[in-house]
Amino acid sequence: YIKNTNFDEYLIPTVKDMPEICPVIVENPDPHGPYGAKSIGEPTLELGAPAIANAVAQATGKRIRHLPLNLERVLLGHSLSKGGTKK
C-alpha cells in the first residue's frame, strides 16, 4: 500500500529498511568464461548512464549522445554533443 502520496513527504529508504541478505556462492564454472569465470555485477552498472541521458532528454527536449553529460553539453545541446538530435 502507498504510504506517501507525493515526493514532498516521501521517506527515502535507509539501510535499516533493507532486509537481511544471505548470499549463496555456487561454485560451478562457466564453460564460456576465461578459466571458468562468470560476471557478477557489470550488468547493473550499464544502466545508469542511459537512464540519466533519457531523463535529460525528457526534461530538455535535447537528445545528447555522448558522455559525460556535463552542464555544458546539457546547456549548449547540439554544438558540444556532436550529433545530438531534438525530439
N, C-alpha and C. Protein backbone atom coordinates (compact mmCIF):
# COMPACT_ATOMS: atom_id res chain seq x y z
N TYR A 1 0.83 -1.16 0.00
CA TYR A 1 0.00 0.00 0.00
C TYR A 1 0.88 1.23 0.00
N ILE A 2 0.35 2.37 -0.44
CA ILE A 2 1.13 3.59 -0.60
C ILE A 2 1.12 4.39 0.70
N LYS A 3 2.32 4.63 1.25
CA LYS A 3 2.44 5.44 2.47
C LYS A 3 2.57 6.92 2.14
N ASN A 4 3.19 7.24 1.02
CA ASN A 4 3.42 8.63 0.65
C ASN A 4 2.64 8.95 -0.61
N THR A 5 1.93 10.04 -0.59
CA THR A 5 1.13 10.42 -1.76
C THR A 5 1.86 11.38 -2.67
N ASN A 6 3.00 11.94 -2.22
CA ASN A 6 3.77 12.85 -3.07
C ASN A 6 5.25 12.77 -2.68
N PHE A 7 6.11 13.40 -3.48
CA PHE A 7 7.54 13.35 -3.23
C PHE A 7 7.98 14.31 -2.12
N ASP A 8 7.14 15.26 -1.74
CA ASP A 8 7.50 16.16 -0.65
C ASP A 8 7.58 15.42 0.68
N GLU A 9 6.74 14.42 0.85
CA GLU A 9 6.69 13.67 2.10
C GLU A 9 7.29 12.27 1.96
N TYR A 10 7.92 12.01 0.83
CA TYR A 10 8.46 10.67 0.56
C TYR A 10 9.59 10.36 1.53
N LEU A 11 9.52 9.23 2.16
CA LEU A 11 10.57 8.79 3.07
C LEU A 11 11.55 7.92 2.30
N ILE A 12 12.78 8.37 2.22
CA ILE A 12 13.80 7.63 1.49
C ILE A 12 14.23 6.43 2.32
N PRO A 13 14.20 5.22 1.74
CA PRO A 13 14.62 4.04 2.49
C PRO A 13 16.09 4.14 2.88
N THR A 14 16.41 3.61 4.03
CA THR A 14 17.79 3.60 4.51
C THR A 14 18.24 2.16 4.68
N VAL A 15 19.45 1.99 5.17
CA VAL A 15 20.00 0.65 5.40
C VAL A 15 19.13 -0.11 6.39
N LYS A 16 18.56 0.59 7.34
CA LYS A 16 17.72 -0.08 8.35
C LYS A 16 16.44 -0.65 7.74
N ASP A 17 16.03 -0.15 6.57
CA ASP A 17 14.82 -0.63 5.91
C ASP A 17 15.06 -1.84 5.03
N MET A 18 16.32 -2.18 4.80
CA MET A 18 16.66 -3.29 3.91
C MET A 18 16.53 -4.63 4.63
N PRO A 19 16.06 -5.64 3.93
CA PRO A 19 16.03 -6.97 4.55
C PRO A 19 17.44 -7.55 4.63
N GLU A 20 17.62 -8.50 5.50
CA GLU A 20 18.91 -9.17 5.60
C GLU A 20 19.14 -10.00 4.34
N ILE A 21 20.32 -9.89 3.79
CA ILE A 21 20.66 -10.61 2.57
C ILE A 21 21.69 -11.68 2.91
N CYS A 22 21.39 -12.91 2.55
CA CYS A 22 22.31 -14.02 2.78
C CYS A 22 22.80 -14.52 1.43
N PRO A 23 23.98 -14.07 1.00
CA PRO A 23 24.48 -14.52 -0.31
C PRO A 23 24.86 -15.99 -0.29
N VAL A 24 24.62 -16.64 -1.40
CA VAL A 24 24.98 -18.04 -1.56
C VAL A 24 25.94 -18.14 -2.73
N ILE A 25 27.09 -18.72 -2.49
CA ILE A 25 28.08 -18.89 -3.56
C ILE A 25 27.95 -20.31 -4.10
N VAL A 26 27.63 -20.40 -5.38
CA VAL A 26 27.51 -21.69 -6.05
C VAL A 26 28.73 -21.85 -6.92
N GLU A 27 29.55 -22.81 -6.59
CA GLU A 27 30.81 -22.97 -7.30
C GLU A 27 30.67 -23.99 -8.43
N ASN A 28 30.21 -23.51 -9.56
CA ASN A 28 30.23 -24.32 -10.78
C ASN A 28 30.77 -23.43 -11.89
N PRO A 29 31.84 -23.83 -12.54
CA PRO A 29 32.48 -22.98 -13.53
C PRO A 29 31.63 -22.78 -14.78
N ASP A 30 31.77 -21.61 -15.38
CA ASP A 30 31.09 -21.30 -16.63
C ASP A 30 31.99 -21.78 -17.77
N PRO A 31 31.51 -22.66 -18.63
CA PRO A 31 32.37 -23.17 -19.70
C PRO A 31 32.76 -22.11 -20.73
N HIS A 32 32.04 -20.98 -20.77
CA HIS A 32 32.33 -19.94 -21.76
C HIS A 32 33.26 -18.85 -21.22
N GLY A 33 33.41 -18.74 -19.91
CA GLY A 33 34.24 -17.69 -19.32
C GLY A 33 35.70 -18.12 -19.23
N PRO A 34 36.62 -17.14 -19.18
CA PRO A 34 38.03 -17.49 -19.05
C PRO A 34 38.29 -18.16 -17.70
N TYR A 35 38.89 -19.32 -17.73
CA TYR A 35 39.17 -20.12 -16.52
C TYR A 35 37.91 -20.41 -15.72
N GLY A 36 36.77 -20.46 -16.40
CA GLY A 36 35.50 -20.77 -15.74
C GLY A 36 34.86 -19.59 -15.03
N ALA A 37 35.37 -18.37 -15.24
CA ALA A 37 34.86 -17.19 -14.54
C ALA A 37 33.49 -16.77 -15.06
N LYS A 38 32.73 -16.13 -14.18
CA LYS A 38 31.42 -15.59 -14.52
C LYS A 38 31.41 -14.10 -14.19
N SER A 39 30.55 -13.36 -14.88
CA SER A 39 30.38 -11.96 -14.49
C SER A 39 29.44 -11.91 -13.29
N ILE A 40 29.56 -10.84 -12.51
CA ILE A 40 28.73 -10.78 -11.32
C ILE A 40 27.98 -9.47 -11.17
N GLY A 41 28.62 -8.33 -11.49
CA GLY A 41 27.96 -7.08 -11.22
C GLY A 41 27.94 -6.10 -12.38
N GLU A 42 28.56 -6.44 -13.47
CA GLU A 42 28.67 -5.49 -14.57
C GLU A 42 27.32 -5.10 -15.17
N PRO A 43 26.36 -6.00 -15.34
CA PRO A 43 25.10 -5.58 -15.96
C PRO A 43 24.39 -4.46 -15.21
N THR A 44 24.52 -4.40 -13.90
CA THR A 44 23.84 -3.33 -13.16
C THR A 44 24.51 -1.99 -13.37
N LEU A 45 25.78 -1.96 -13.73
CA LEU A 45 26.49 -0.70 -13.94
C LEU A 45 26.17 -0.08 -15.29
N GLU A 46 25.68 -0.86 -16.23
CA GLU A 46 25.47 -0.38 -17.59
C GLU A 46 24.20 0.45 -17.75
N LEU A 47 23.33 0.44 -16.79
CA LEU A 47 22.02 1.07 -16.96
C LEU A 47 21.94 2.51 -16.46
N GLY A 48 22.88 2.94 -15.66
CA GLY A 48 22.80 4.28 -15.07
C GLY A 48 22.91 5.41 -16.07
N ALA A 49 23.92 5.38 -16.92
CA ALA A 49 24.14 6.47 -17.88
C ALA A 49 22.98 6.61 -18.87
N PRO A 50 22.47 5.52 -19.47
CA PRO A 50 21.34 5.69 -20.37
C PRO A 50 20.08 6.21 -19.67
N ALA A 51 19.87 5.82 -18.42
CA ALA A 51 18.70 6.31 -17.69
C ALA A 51 18.81 7.81 -17.44
N ILE A 52 20.00 8.27 -17.08
CA ILE A 52 20.20 9.70 -16.86
C ILE A 52 20.08 10.46 -18.17
N ALA A 53 20.64 9.91 -19.25
CA ALA A 53 20.55 10.56 -20.57
C ALA A 53 19.09 10.67 -21.01
N ASN A 54 18.30 9.64 -20.76
CA ASN A 54 16.87 9.70 -21.10
C ASN A 54 16.14 10.74 -20.25
N ALA A 55 16.50 10.85 -18.98
CA ALA A 55 15.88 11.85 -18.12
C ALA A 55 16.21 13.26 -18.60
N VAL A 56 17.47 13.48 -19.02
CA VAL A 56 17.86 14.79 -19.55
C VAL A 56 17.10 15.08 -20.83
N ALA A 57 16.96 14.08 -21.69
CA ALA A 57 16.22 14.26 -22.95
C ALA A 57 14.76 14.60 -22.69
N GLN A 58 14.16 13.93 -21.71
CA GLN A 58 12.76 14.22 -21.38
C GLN A 58 12.60 15.62 -20.80
N ALA A 59 13.58 16.05 -20.00
CA ALA A 59 13.48 17.35 -19.34
C ALA A 59 13.80 18.51 -20.28
N THR A 60 14.73 18.31 -21.21
CA THR A 60 15.20 19.42 -22.04
C THR A 60 14.73 19.36 -23.48
N GLY A 61 14.32 18.18 -23.93
CA GLY A 61 13.96 18.01 -25.33
C GLY A 61 15.16 17.83 -26.23
N LYS A 62 16.35 17.72 -25.65
CA LYS A 62 17.59 17.53 -26.42
C LYS A 62 18.16 16.15 -26.14
N ARG A 63 18.39 15.39 -27.18
CA ARG A 63 18.99 14.07 -27.04
C ARG A 63 20.50 14.22 -27.17
N ILE A 64 21.23 14.00 -26.10
CA ILE A 64 22.68 14.11 -26.11
C ILE A 64 23.24 12.69 -26.15
N ARG A 65 24.06 12.41 -27.14
CA ARG A 65 24.50 11.04 -27.38
C ARG A 65 25.96 10.77 -27.03
N HIS A 66 26.59 11.70 -26.33
CA HIS A 66 27.98 11.49 -25.93
C HIS A 66 28.14 11.76 -24.44
N LEU A 67 28.97 10.97 -23.80
CA LEU A 67 29.25 11.16 -22.38
C LEU A 67 30.55 11.92 -22.22
N PRO A 68 30.76 12.59 -21.14
CA PRO A 68 29.88 12.73 -19.98
C PRO A 68 28.79 13.76 -20.23
N LEU A 69 27.69 13.58 -19.54
CA LEU A 69 26.59 14.54 -19.62
C LEU A 69 26.88 15.66 -18.63
N ASN A 70 27.78 16.55 -19.00
CA ASN A 70 28.11 17.66 -18.11
C ASN A 70 27.21 18.85 -18.39
N LEU A 71 27.34 19.87 -17.57
CA LEU A 71 26.47 21.04 -17.68
C LEU A 71 26.58 21.72 -19.03
N GLU A 72 27.80 21.82 -19.56
CA GLU A 72 27.99 22.49 -20.85
C GLU A 72 27.25 21.76 -21.96
N ARG A 73 27.33 20.44 -21.99
CA ARG A 73 26.64 19.69 -23.03
C ARG A 73 25.13 19.83 -22.90
N VAL A 74 24.65 19.82 -21.69
CA VAL A 74 23.20 19.93 -21.50
C VAL A 74 22.71 21.32 -21.89
N LEU A 75 23.44 22.36 -21.49
CA LEU A 75 23.00 23.72 -21.80
C LEU A 75 23.18 24.08 -23.27
N LEU A 76 24.30 23.67 -23.86
CA LEU A 76 24.55 24.01 -25.26
C LEU A 76 23.98 23.00 -26.23
N GLY A 77 23.65 21.83 -25.71
CA GLY A 77 22.99 20.82 -26.52
C GLY A 77 23.79 20.31 -27.69
N HIS A 78 23.38 20.66 -28.88
CA HIS A 78 23.90 20.05 -30.09
C HIS A 78 25.35 20.42 -30.40
N SER A 79 25.77 21.61 -30.10
CA SER A 79 27.10 22.04 -30.53
C SER A 79 28.21 21.23 -29.88
N LEU A 80 28.03 20.82 -28.63
CA LEU A 80 29.08 20.04 -27.97
C LEU A 80 28.82 18.54 -28.04
N SER A 81 27.59 18.14 -28.28
CA SER A 81 27.31 16.71 -28.29
C SER A 81 27.65 16.08 -29.63
N LYS A 82 27.90 16.87 -30.66
CA LYS A 82 28.30 16.38 -31.98
C LYS A 82 27.34 15.32 -32.50
N GLY A 83 26.16 15.71 -32.79
CA GLY A 83 25.22 14.76 -33.39
C GLY A 83 23.98 14.54 -32.56
N GLY A 84 23.80 15.30 -31.48
CA GLY A 84 22.58 15.17 -30.71
C GLY A 84 21.39 15.54 -31.57
N THR A 85 20.26 14.95 -31.29
CA THR A 85 19.07 15.23 -32.09
C THR A 85 17.98 15.77 -31.19
N LYS A 86 17.13 16.61 -31.74
CA LYS A 86 15.96 17.07 -31.00
C LYS A 86 14.87 16.04 -31.14
N LYS A 87 14.02 16.00 -30.17
CA LYS A 87 12.89 15.08 -30.24
C LYS A 87 11.89 15.57 -31.24
